[in-house]
Amino acid sequence: MHQEQQNLVDQAITSRHSVRAFSSTPVETQLIKDILTVASRAPSGNNIQPWKVYVVTGKKRQELTRQVCQAQIELFNHPEQAHRYQEPFKYYPEQWTSPFIERRRENGWGLYGLLDIQKGEQEKMQAQHLRNYQLFDAPVGLFFTLHTSLATGSKMDISMMIQNVMIAAKARGLDTCPQAAWNPFSSLISDILNIPHDEELVCSIALGYADLTQRVNSFHTSRLPVEDFAIFYE
């Protein structure tokens, strides 16, 4: 029984990947609640459980994706307006260094290559980027926030909770795509979802059933072998 449980857990973890095309099949509210209940068992410093989750479906989802897509299209046409949309914290470094820049490029061009998007094809790149703000057609968007008074440790706490959400979803036959792309539009999202001003957006997740007919969902990223990132002492 122990081996069977191990296999089930390992399968849920290793089969998870970022899905970028979802079917229109709805996700039952109770199923979302079940996932969040399981995910809330994530550890947090002093058990403060700092996370909040805004679950967006239906008309509110349509309103949110429409307004954020419109804002992004305006930025495509007027990039000088980017100062209007600032992420609440820096997710990526301002200056990329090796080996991270090489991994980033491998990821980006691997995805674009699969989608037949060549370097310099701006319109195709913008169209694919816009898919982020359509939640890749997923019927559910989850938006995770923290109180602004909290420190870096709480971002570690909520990150573990977010991982739990994705694994619990996978175990139930659902797929996900974690997205930092929404973060620059946090003020707009807060207005639409009535998120208090003392909360900051940390991450979002597109949640639903993968559309297995779409080629983009065959994209799987590589992982380094343990020997490349772990140091063992005896």
Protein backbone atom coordinates (compact mmCIF):
# COMPACT_ATOMS: atom_id res chain seq x y z
CA MET A 1 0.00 0.00 0.00
CA HIS A 2 2.89 2.34 0.79
CA GLN A 3 4.33 1.89 -2.71
CA GLU A 4 0.93 2.52 -4.29
CA GLN A 5 0.49 5.76 -2.36
CA GLN A 6 3.99 6.86 -3.30
CA ASN A 7 3.30 6.18 -6.97
CA LEU A 8 0.07 8.17 -6.88
CA VAL A 9 1.73 11.18 -5.28
CA ASP A 10 4.74 11.01 -7.60
CA GLN A 11 2.46 10.73 -10.63
CA ALA A 12 0.46 13.81 -9.61
CA ILE A 13 3.68 15.81 -9.19
CA THR A 14 5.57 14.65 -12.27
CA SER A 15 2.58 14.75 -14.63
CA ARG A 16 1.80 18.36 -13.74
CA HIS A 17 2.87 20.86 -16.38
CA SER A 18 1.73 24.27 -17.54
CA VAL A 19 -1.29 23.80 -19.80
CA ARG A 20 -1.91 26.61 -22.29
CA ALA A 21 -5.14 25.47 -23.94
CA PHE A 22 -8.24 24.42 -22.00
CA SER A 23 -11.60 23.00 -22.98
CA SER A 24 -14.83 24.84 -22.20
CA THR A 25 -15.92 22.08 -19.80
CA PRO A 26 -16.98 23.82 -16.56
CA VAL A 27 -15.46 22.96 -13.19
CA GLU A 28 -17.90 22.36 -10.36
CA THR A 29 -17.68 24.83 -7.47
CA GLN A 30 -17.53 22.02 -4.92
CA LEU A 31 -14.52 20.55 -6.73
CA ILE A 32 -12.72 23.89 -6.49
CA LYS A 33 -13.56 24.05 -2.79
CA ASP A 34 -12.20 20.54 -2.29
CA ILE A 35 -8.93 21.48 -3.97
CA LEU A 36 -8.54 24.63 -1.88
CA THR A 37 -9.37 22.73 1.31
CA VAL A 38 -6.60 20.21 0.62
CA ALA A 39 -4.17 22.94 -0.51
CA SER A 40 -4.73 24.91 2.70
CA ARG A 41 -2.82 22.20 4.58
CA ALA A 42 0.35 23.90 3.29
CA PRO A 43 2.71 24.95 6.08
CA SER A 44 3.08 28.58 7.05
CA GLY A 45 5.24 30.34 9.62
CA ASN A 46 3.45 30.30 12.99
CA ASN A 47 0.44 28.90 11.11
CA ILE A 48 -0.67 32.39 10.07
CA GLN A 49 -2.12 30.97 6.82
CA PRO A 50 -1.54 34.26 4.99
CA TRP A 51 -3.18 33.38 1.68
CA LYS A 52 -6.39 34.65 0.18
CA VAL A 53 -7.81 33.30 -3.07
CA TYR A 54 -10.23 35.00 -5.44
CA VAL A 55 -12.03 32.42 -7.59
CA VAL A 56 -13.24 33.86 -10.89
CA THR A 57 -15.73 32.16 -13.20
CA GLY A 58 -18.68 33.03 -15.43
CA LYS A 59 -19.54 36.68 -16.12
CA LYS A 60 -16.90 38.03 -13.76
CA ARG A 61 -14.27 35.99 -15.60
CA GLN A 62 -15.46 37.44 -18.91
CA GLU A 63 -15.33 40.97 -17.54
CA LEU A 64 -11.85 40.48 -16.12
CA THR A 65 -10.32 38.92 -19.23
CA ARG A 66 -11.94 41.53 -21.48
CA GLN A 67 -10.62 44.50 -19.53
CA VAL A 68 -7.12 43.16 -19.00
CA CYS A 69 -6.84 42.07 -22.65
CA GLN A 70 -7.89 45.57 -23.66
CA ALA A 71 -5.25 47.08 -21.38
CA GLN A 72 -2.55 44.81 -22.83
CA ILE A 73 -3.55 45.64 -26.41
CA GLU A 74 -3.23 49.33 -25.54
CA LEU A 75 0.28 48.64 -24.25
CA PHE A 76 1.18 46.84 -27.47
CA ASN A 77 0.20 49.99 -29.35
CA HIS A 78 1.56 52.47 -26.79
CA PRO A 79 4.43 50.83 -24.86
CA GLU A 80 5.33 54.20 -23.34
CA GLN A 81 2.25 53.78 -21.13
CA ALA A 82 3.77 50.78 -19.30
CA HIS A 83 4.36 52.92 -16.21
CA ARG A 84 0.60 52.81 -15.61
CA TYR A 85 0.81 49.10 -14.83
CA GLN A 86 3.34 48.10 -12.21
CA GLU A 87 3.71 44.68 -10.62
CA PRO A 88 3.55 44.75 -6.80
CA PHE A 89 6.96 43.07 -6.50
CA LYS A 90 9.75 42.05 -8.84
CA TYR A 91 9.17 38.49 -9.97
CA TYR A 92 12.07 38.42 -12.44
CA PRO A 93 15.52 40.03 -12.14
CA GLU A 94 16.18 43.31 -13.91
CA GLN A 95 19.46 41.88 -15.21
CA TRP A 96 19.56 38.24 -16.30
CA THR A 97 22.74 36.24 -15.77
CA SER A 98 23.97 32.77 -16.75
CA PRO A 99 22.76 30.03 -16.46
CA PHE A 100 19.27 31.49 -15.94
CA ILE A 101 19.17 33.52 -19.14
CA GLU A 102 19.97 30.41 -21.21
CA ARG A 103 17.19 28.41 -19.52
CA ARG A 104 14.75 31.25 -20.07
CA ARG A 105 15.60 31.43 -23.76
CA GLU A 106 15.35 27.67 -24.15
CA ASN A 107 11.90 27.76 -22.61
CA GLY A 108 10.64 30.69 -24.68
CA TRP A 109 11.94 29.55 -28.04
CA GLY A 110 10.92 25.98 -27.35
CA LEU A 111 7.32 27.08 -26.91
CA TYR A 112 7.40 29.49 -29.85
CA GLY A 113 9.03 26.87 -32.06
CA LEU A 114 6.23 24.44 -31.31
CA LEU A 115 3.73 27.14 -32.28
CA ASP A 116 5.65 28.04 -35.47
CA ILE A 117 6.41 31.53 -34.19
CA GLN A 118 9.71 32.76 -35.57
CA LYS A 119 11.97 35.48 -34.19
CA GLY A 120 10.70 38.89 -35.23
CA GLU A 121 7.09 37.83 -35.84
CA GLN A 122 5.71 40.45 -33.49
CA GLU A 123 2.02 39.99 -34.25
CA LYS A 124 2.18 36.24 -33.56
CA MET A 125 4.16 36.83 -30.36
CA GLN A 126 1.66 39.41 -29.16
CA ALA A 127 -1.26 37.12 -29.94
CA GLN A 128 0.31 34.33 -27.91
CA HIS A 129 1.13 36.71 -25.07
CA LEU A 130 -2.49 37.85 -25.04
CA ARG A 131 -3.56 34.25 -24.42
CA ASN A 132 -2.32 34.69 -20.84
CA TYR A 133 -5.07 37.24 -20.21
CA GLN A 134 -7.68 34.97 -21.72
CA LEU A 135 -6.66 32.37 -19.11
CA PHE A 136 -5.87 30.14 -22.10
CA ASP A 137 -9.68 29.65 -22.26
CA ALA A 138 -9.75 27.97 -18.83
CA PRO A 139 -13.17 28.40 -17.19
CA VAL A 140 -11.63 29.22 -13.80
CA GLY A 141 -9.09 31.82 -12.73
CA LEU A 142 -7.59 31.74 -9.24
CA PHE A 143 -5.94 34.92 -7.97
CA PHE A 144 -3.74 34.62 -4.88
CA THR A 145 -3.03 37.59 -2.64
CA LEU A 146 -1.14 38.46 0.54
CA HIS A 147 -1.61 41.30 3.00
CA THR A 148 0.93 44.04 2.28
CA SER A 149 2.10 44.09 5.90
CA LEU A 150 3.58 40.60 5.54
CA ALA A 151 7.20 39.82 4.67
CA THR A 152 9.12 37.55 2.30
CA GLY A 153 8.44 34.45 4.40
CA SER A 154 4.74 34.71 3.62
CA LYS A 155 5.52 34.58 -0.09
CA MET A 156 7.23 31.26 0.63
CA ASP A 157 4.12 30.12 2.51
CA ILE A 158 1.69 31.04 -0.25
CA SER A 159 3.99 29.48 -2.85
CA MET A 160 3.69 26.13 -1.07
CA MET A 161 -0.08 26.56 -0.97
CA ILE A 162 -0.15 27.35 -4.71
CA GLN A 163 1.87 24.22 -5.45
CA ASN A 164 -0.62 22.22 -3.40
CA VAL A 165 -3.46 23.63 -5.49
CA MET A 166 -1.83 22.46 -8.70
CA ILE A 167 -1.04 18.98 -7.37
CA ALA A 168 -4.50 18.53 -5.84
CA ALA A 169 -6.05 19.64 -9.13
CA LYS A 170 -3.93 17.19 -11.11
CA ALA A 171 -4.93 14.36 -8.80
CA ARG A 172 -8.56 15.14 -9.68
CA GLY A 173 -8.03 15.14 -13.44
CA LEU A 174 -7.72 18.91 -13.80
CA ASP A 175 -4.86 20.92 -15.22
CA THR A 176 -3.38 24.29 -14.39
CA CYS A 177 -1.09 27.05 -15.57
CA PRO A 178 0.52 29.28 -12.94
CA GLN A 179 0.83 32.83 -14.26
CA ALA A 180 2.88 35.80 -13.13
CA ALA A 181 1.83 37.59 -16.34
CA TRP A 182 -1.19 39.11 -14.60
CA ASN A 183 0.88 40.82 -11.89
CA PRO A 184 1.53 44.11 -13.74
CA PHE A 185 -2.23 44.57 -13.99
CA SER A 186 -2.75 44.05 -10.26
CA SER A 187 -4.37 47.47 -9.70
CA LEU A 188 -6.87 46.87 -12.50
CA ILE A 189 -7.58 43.36 -11.22
CA SER A 190 -8.08 44.71 -7.70
CA ASP A 191 -10.66 47.20 -8.98
CA ILE A 192 -12.58 44.56 -10.92
CA LEU A 193 -12.53 41.96 -8.11
CA ASN A 194 -12.90 44.44 -5.23
CA ILE A 195 -9.62 43.29 -3.69
CA PRO A 196 -8.73 45.53 -0.72
CA HIS A 197 -5.85 47.95 -1.27
CA ASP A 198 -3.88 46.36 1.57
CA GLU A 199 -3.56 43.10 -0.40
CA GLU A 200 -1.08 42.45 -3.20
CA LEU A 201 -1.40 40.00 -6.05
CA VAL A 202 1.19 37.23 -5.88
CA CYS A 203 0.19 34.85 -8.67
CA SER A 204 -2.74 33.57 -10.65
CA ILE A 205 -3.64 30.11 -11.88
CA ALA A 206 -5.70 29.10 -14.90
CA LEU A 207 -7.69 26.00 -13.91
CA GLY A 208 -9.71 23.59 -16.00
CA TYR A 209 -9.60 20.53 -18.21
CA ALA A 210 -6.81 20.46 -20.79
CA ASP A 211 -7.79 20.52 -24.45
CA LEU A 212 -5.68 17.59 -25.59
CA THR A 213 -6.30 18.37 -29.26
CA GLN A 214 -4.15 21.50 -29.03
CA ARG A 215 -0.49 21.13 -29.98
CA VAL A 216 0.64 23.66 -27.38
CA ASN A 217 -0.20 21.19 -24.63
CA SER A 218 2.49 18.80 -25.84
CA PHE A 219 5.10 21.30 -24.62
CA HIS A 220 6.93 19.97 -21.56
CA THR A 221 9.95 21.67 -20.04
CA SER A 222 13.08 19.80 -19.00
CA ARG A 223 14.49 19.49 -15.49
CA LEU A 224 18.08 19.36 -14.31
CA PRO A 225 19.34 16.10 -12.84
CA VAL A 226 19.69 16.04 -9.06
CA GLU A 227 23.48 16.05 -9.35
CA ASP A 228 23.32 19.52 -10.94
CA PHE A 229 21.53 21.24 -8.06
CA ALA A 230 21.99 19.14 -4.92
CA ILE A 231 25.15 18.90 -2.81
CA PHE A 232 25.41 15.90 -0.51
CA TYR A 233 27.56 15.80 2.62
CA GLU A 234 28.34 12.72 4.71
